[in-house]
N, C-alpha and C. Protein backbone atom coordinates (compact mmCIF):
# COMPACT_ATOMS: atom_id res chain seq x y z
N MET A 1 -8.79 -3.65 -1.42
CA MET A 1 -7.85 -2.64 -0.95
C MET A 1 -8.49 -1.88 0.21
N THR A 2 -7.77 -1.73 1.30
CA THR A 2 -8.31 -1.04 2.46
C THR A 2 -8.09 0.45 2.34
N LYS A 3 -9.03 1.20 2.88
CA LYS A 3 -8.93 2.66 2.85
C LYS A 3 -7.89 3.11 3.88
N PRO A 4 -7.04 4.07 3.52
CA PRO A 4 -6.03 4.56 4.46
C PRO A 4 -6.69 5.13 5.71
N GLN A 5 -6.01 5.03 6.84
CA GLN A 5 -6.56 5.51 8.10
C GLN A 5 -5.82 6.75 8.58
N ILE A 6 -5.53 7.63 7.65
CA ILE A 6 -4.85 8.87 8.01
C ILE A 6 -5.69 10.02 7.46
N ASP A 7 -5.91 11.02 8.29
CA ASP A 7 -6.70 12.16 7.87
C ASP A 7 -5.82 13.32 7.42
N MET A 8 -4.64 13.40 7.99
CA MET A 8 -3.74 14.52 7.68
C MET A 8 -2.31 14.01 7.65
N ILE A 9 -1.53 14.71 6.89
CA ILE A 9 -0.09 14.47 6.92
C ILE A 9 0.54 15.75 7.47
N ASP A 10 1.56 15.60 8.24
CA ASP A 10 2.23 16.76 8.83
C ASP A 10 2.68 17.70 7.71
N PRO A 11 2.24 18.95 7.73
CA PRO A 11 2.62 19.90 6.67
C PRO A 11 4.13 20.09 6.54
N HIS A 12 4.85 19.99 7.66
CA HIS A 12 6.31 20.12 7.62
C HIS A 12 6.94 18.93 6.88
N LEU A 13 6.38 17.76 7.08
CA LEU A 13 6.87 16.57 6.38
C LEU A 13 6.61 16.73 4.88
N LEU A 14 5.43 17.22 4.52
CA LEU A 14 5.10 17.41 3.12
C LEU A 14 6.04 18.42 2.45
N GLU A 15 6.50 19.40 3.20
CA GLU A 15 7.43 20.40 2.65
C GLU A 15 8.79 19.80 2.29
N ILE A 16 9.23 18.79 3.04
CA ILE A 16 10.57 18.25 2.80
C ILE A 16 10.58 17.00 1.91
N LEU A 17 9.44 16.33 1.78
CA LEU A 17 9.39 15.15 0.92
C LEU A 17 9.40 15.57 -0.54
N ILE A 18 10.13 14.81 -1.35
CA ILE A 18 10.13 15.04 -2.79
C ILE A 18 9.92 13.71 -3.49
N CYS A 19 9.50 13.78 -4.72
CA CYS A 19 9.32 12.58 -5.52
C CYS A 19 10.69 11.95 -5.78
N PRO A 20 10.85 10.67 -5.48
CA PRO A 20 12.15 10.04 -5.70
C PRO A 20 12.48 9.85 -7.19
N VAL A 21 11.49 9.99 -8.06
CA VAL A 21 11.71 9.82 -9.49
C VAL A 21 12.13 11.14 -10.14
N THR A 22 11.41 12.22 -9.81
CA THR A 22 11.65 13.50 -10.48
C THR A 22 12.34 14.54 -9.61
N GLY A 23 12.31 14.34 -8.29
CA GLY A 23 12.85 15.34 -7.38
C GLY A 23 11.90 16.51 -7.20
N GLY A 24 10.69 16.38 -7.74
CA GLY A 24 9.71 17.46 -7.66
C GLY A 24 8.83 17.39 -6.42
N LYS A 25 8.01 18.43 -6.27
CA LYS A 25 7.11 18.52 -5.13
C LYS A 25 6.00 17.48 -5.21
N LEU A 26 5.47 17.18 -4.03
CA LEU A 26 4.35 16.25 -3.91
C LEU A 26 3.13 16.98 -3.38
N GLU A 27 1.97 16.52 -3.76
CA GLU A 27 0.72 17.04 -3.23
C GLU A 27 0.04 15.94 -2.44
N TYR A 28 -0.65 16.33 -1.36
CA TYR A 28 -1.35 15.35 -0.54
C TYR A 28 -2.79 15.25 -0.99
N ASP A 29 -3.23 14.05 -1.35
CA ASP A 29 -4.62 13.78 -1.68
C ASP A 29 -5.26 13.15 -0.46
N LYS A 30 -5.97 13.96 0.31
CA LYS A 30 -6.56 13.51 1.57
C LYS A 30 -7.57 12.39 1.34
N LYS A 31 -8.38 12.53 0.30
CA LYS A 31 -9.43 11.55 0.03
C LYS A 31 -8.84 10.16 -0.25
N ALA A 32 -7.78 10.11 -1.04
CA ALA A 32 -7.14 8.84 -1.39
C ALA A 32 -6.09 8.42 -0.37
N GLY A 33 -5.62 9.37 0.45
CA GLY A 33 -4.56 9.06 1.41
C GLY A 33 -3.25 8.77 0.72
N GLU A 34 -2.94 9.57 -0.31
CA GLU A 34 -1.73 9.35 -1.09
C GLU A 34 -0.99 10.67 -1.31
N LEU A 35 0.29 10.55 -1.61
CA LEU A 35 1.09 11.69 -2.04
C LEU A 35 1.21 11.60 -3.55
N ILE A 36 0.89 12.68 -4.23
CA ILE A 36 0.82 12.70 -5.68
C ILE A 36 2.00 13.46 -6.28
N SER A 37 2.63 12.84 -7.25
CA SER A 37 3.65 13.50 -8.06
C SER A 37 3.06 13.64 -9.46
N LYS A 38 2.58 14.84 -9.77
CA LYS A 38 1.99 15.08 -11.09
C LYS A 38 3.05 14.95 -12.18
N LYS A 39 4.25 15.40 -11.88
CA LYS A 39 5.34 15.36 -12.86
C LYS A 39 5.68 13.93 -13.26
N ALA A 40 5.70 13.02 -12.30
CA ALA A 40 6.02 11.62 -12.57
C ALA A 40 4.78 10.80 -12.93
N GLY A 41 3.60 11.35 -12.60
CA GLY A 41 2.37 10.60 -12.85
C GLY A 41 2.21 9.43 -11.91
N LEU A 42 2.67 9.63 -10.65
CA LEU A 42 2.64 8.56 -9.66
C LEU A 42 1.94 9.01 -8.38
N ALA A 43 1.34 8.03 -7.70
CA ALA A 43 0.73 8.26 -6.39
C ALA A 43 1.39 7.32 -5.39
N TYR A 44 1.95 7.89 -4.34
CA TYR A 44 2.63 7.11 -3.30
C TYR A 44 1.69 6.90 -2.12
N GLN A 45 1.52 5.66 -1.70
CA GLN A 45 0.65 5.32 -0.58
C GLN A 45 1.22 5.81 0.74
N ILE A 46 0.32 5.99 1.69
CA ILE A 46 0.72 6.27 3.07
C ILE A 46 0.16 5.14 3.90
N ARG A 47 1.04 4.38 4.53
CA ARG A 47 0.63 3.24 5.36
C ARG A 47 0.96 3.52 6.81
N ASP A 48 -0.06 3.46 7.65
CA ASP A 48 0.11 3.71 9.09
C ASP A 48 0.85 5.01 9.35
N GLY A 49 0.55 6.02 8.54
CA GLY A 49 1.16 7.33 8.71
C GLY A 49 2.53 7.50 8.10
N VAL A 50 3.03 6.46 7.43
CA VAL A 50 4.37 6.49 6.84
C VAL A 50 4.25 6.50 5.31
N PRO A 51 4.76 7.55 4.66
CA PRO A 51 4.74 7.57 3.19
C PRO A 51 5.69 6.50 2.62
N ILE A 52 5.18 5.72 1.69
CA ILE A 52 5.97 4.68 1.04
C ILE A 52 6.51 5.29 -0.26
N MET A 53 7.75 5.75 -0.21
CA MET A 53 8.34 6.52 -1.30
C MET A 53 9.17 5.64 -2.23
N LEU A 54 8.62 4.51 -2.61
CA LEU A 54 9.29 3.59 -3.52
C LEU A 54 8.55 3.62 -4.85
N ALA A 55 9.24 3.96 -5.92
CA ALA A 55 8.62 4.05 -7.24
C ALA A 55 7.99 2.71 -7.65
N ASP A 56 8.61 1.61 -7.25
CA ASP A 56 8.09 0.28 -7.58
C ASP A 56 6.73 0.02 -6.95
N GLU A 57 6.43 0.67 -5.84
CA GLU A 57 5.17 0.46 -5.14
C GLU A 57 4.15 1.56 -5.39
N ALA A 58 4.53 2.57 -6.15
CA ALA A 58 3.63 3.69 -6.45
C ALA A 58 2.58 3.27 -7.47
N ARG A 59 1.43 3.93 -7.37
CA ARG A 59 0.35 3.68 -8.31
C ARG A 59 0.48 4.67 -9.48
N GLN A 60 0.33 4.13 -10.69
CA GLN A 60 0.38 4.97 -11.89
C GLN A 60 -0.92 5.77 -11.97
N LEU A 61 -0.81 7.08 -12.20
CA LEU A 61 -2.00 7.92 -12.34
C LEU A 61 -2.55 7.77 -13.75
N ASP A 62 -3.87 7.88 -13.85
CA ASP A 62 -4.54 7.81 -15.16
C ASP A 62 -4.31 9.07 -15.95
């Protein structure tokens, strides 16, 4: 698995994005390069600066 090549996500984008499963807020994990939905227990990848907001492609959190 390759490490994401994004250091920051636009804060305005983070304000408007919601978890497609729960409709809840997302948190940005800079180290992992993912958007985290604690409520759903999912981590959404960011590829080439684009959040992949598909539940089928999200990683299950431990």
